């Protein structure tokens, strides 16, 4: 009787240990997945920020080209029509 009780207790302990190990393994996998998800989100944030910076730079370059072209046109018109139109042209 005593031996049977000890055997049952060992079986129960083994079952409990196996369940604990399974639960711990699941927890570790969930933590790993959370960390990976967080890392992926950080990478995406950086990529989006880089894309936004690149787009802003393109926009600034485009605006600089437009400003240059407008200034060039203004100087051509002043040269062609003289200074009398300078004030009018700069207020447009």
Protein backbone atom coordinates (compact mmCIF):
# COMPACT_ATOMS: atom_id res chain seq x y z
CA UNK A 1 0.00 0.00 0.00
CA UNK A 2 2.78 2.39 0.92
CA UNK A 3 4.68 1.58 -2.25
CA UNK A 4 1.58 2.15 -4.36
CA UNK A 5 0.98 5.51 -2.70
CA UNK A 6 4.61 6.51 -3.32
CA UNK A 7 4.31 5.41 -6.96
CA UNK A 8 1.09 7.41 -7.39
CA UNK A 9 2.72 10.42 -5.78
CA UNK A 10 5.72 10.12 -8.11
CA UNK A 11 3.40 9.87 -11.11
CA UNK A 12 1.49 12.93 -9.93
CA UNK A 13 4.72 14.85 -9.36
CA UNK A 14 5.95 13.84 -12.83
CA UNK A 15 2.65 14.92 -14.37
CA UNK A 16 2.79 18.25 -12.52
CA UNK A 17 6.39 18.78 -13.60
CA UNK A 18 5.54 18.04 -17.23
CA UNK A 19 2.59 20.41 -17.13
CA UNK A 20 4.72 23.13 -15.53
CA UNK A 21 7.40 22.66 -18.19
CA UNK A 22 4.78 22.84 -20.95
CA UNK A 23 3.28 26.01 -19.48
CA UNK A 24 6.74 27.53 -19.08
CA UNK A 25 7.61 26.65 -22.68
CA UNK A 26 4.39 28.28 -23.91
CA UNK A 27 5.12 31.38 -21.82
CA UNK A 28 8.67 31.60 -23.20
CA UNK A 29 7.38 31.31 -26.78
CA UNK A 30 4.81 34.05 -26.13
CA UNK A 31 7.48 36.33 -24.69
CA UNK A 32 9.73 35.64 -27.66
CA UNK A 33 6.87 36.44 -30.06
CA UNK A 34 6.12 39.69 -28.19
CA UNK A 35 9.77 40.76 -28.39
CA UNK A 36 9.90 39.92 -32.10
CA UNK A 37 6.69 41.86 -32.73
CA UNK A 38 8.09 44.85 -30.84
CA UNK A 39 11.33 44.68 -32.83
CA UNK A 40 9.39 44.50 -36.10
CA UNK A 41 7.34 47.54 -35.10
CA UNK A 42 10.51 49.48 -34.33
CA UNK A 43 11.96 48.57 -37.73
CA UNK A 44 8.73 49.68 -39.41
CA UNK A 45 8.79 52.98 -37.50
CA UNK A 46 12.34 53.63 -38.68
CA UNK A 47 11.46 52.71 -42.26
CA UNK A 48 8.42 55.00 -42.25
CA UNK A 49 10.49 57.83 -40.76
CA UNK A 50 13.16 57.35 -43.43
CA UNK A 51 10.52 57.34 -46.17
CA UNK A 52 8.98 60.53 -44.76
CA UNK A 53 12.39 62.22 -44.59
CA UNK A 54 13.14 61.16 -48.16
CA UNK A 55 9.77 62.50 -49.33
CA UNK A 56 10.33 65.78 -47.47
CA UNK A 57 13.77 66.13 -49.05
CA UNK A 58 12.29 65.52 -52.51
CA UNK A 59 9.62 68.12 -51.78
CA UNK A 60 12.24 70.64 -50.64
CA UNK A 61 14.34 70.01 -53.73
CA UNK A 62 11.28 70.41 -55.95
CA UNK A 63 10.38 73.67 -54.20
CA UNK A 64 13.97 74.90 -54.55
CA UNK A 65 13.84 74.14 -58.29
CA UNK A 66 10.54 76.02 -58.59
CA UNK A 67 11.95 78.98 -56.65
CA UNK A 68 15.05 78.98 -58.86
CA UNK A 69 12.95 78.88 -62.03
CA UNK A 70 10.72 81.70 -60.75
CA UNK A 71 13.75 83.82 -59.85
CA UNK A 72 15.33 83.10 -63.23
CA UNK A 73 12.10 84.10 -65.00
CA UNK A 74 11.92 87.29 -62.93
CA UNK A 75 15.46 88.29 -63.89
CA UNK A 76 14.77 87.56 -67.56
CA UNK A 77 11.62 89.69 -67.46
CA UNK A 78 13.45 92.52 -65.66
CA UNK A 79 16.26 92.33 -68.19
CA UNK A 80 13.81 92.33 -71.08
CA UNK A 81 11.30 94.89 -69.80
CA UNK A 82 13.51 96.92 -67.49
CA UNK A 83 13.28 97.85 -63.80
CA UNK A 84 9.88 99.53 -64.13
CA UNK A 85 8.16 96.14 -63.96
CA UNK A 86 10.34 94.84 -61.13
CA UNK A 87 7.95 95.91 -58.38
CA UNK A 88 4.94 94.54 -60.23
CA UNK A 89 6.62 91.21 -60.97
CA UNK A 90 7.79 90.62 -57.42
CA UNK A 91 4.30 91.15 -56.02
CA UNK A 92 2.70 88.53 -58.26
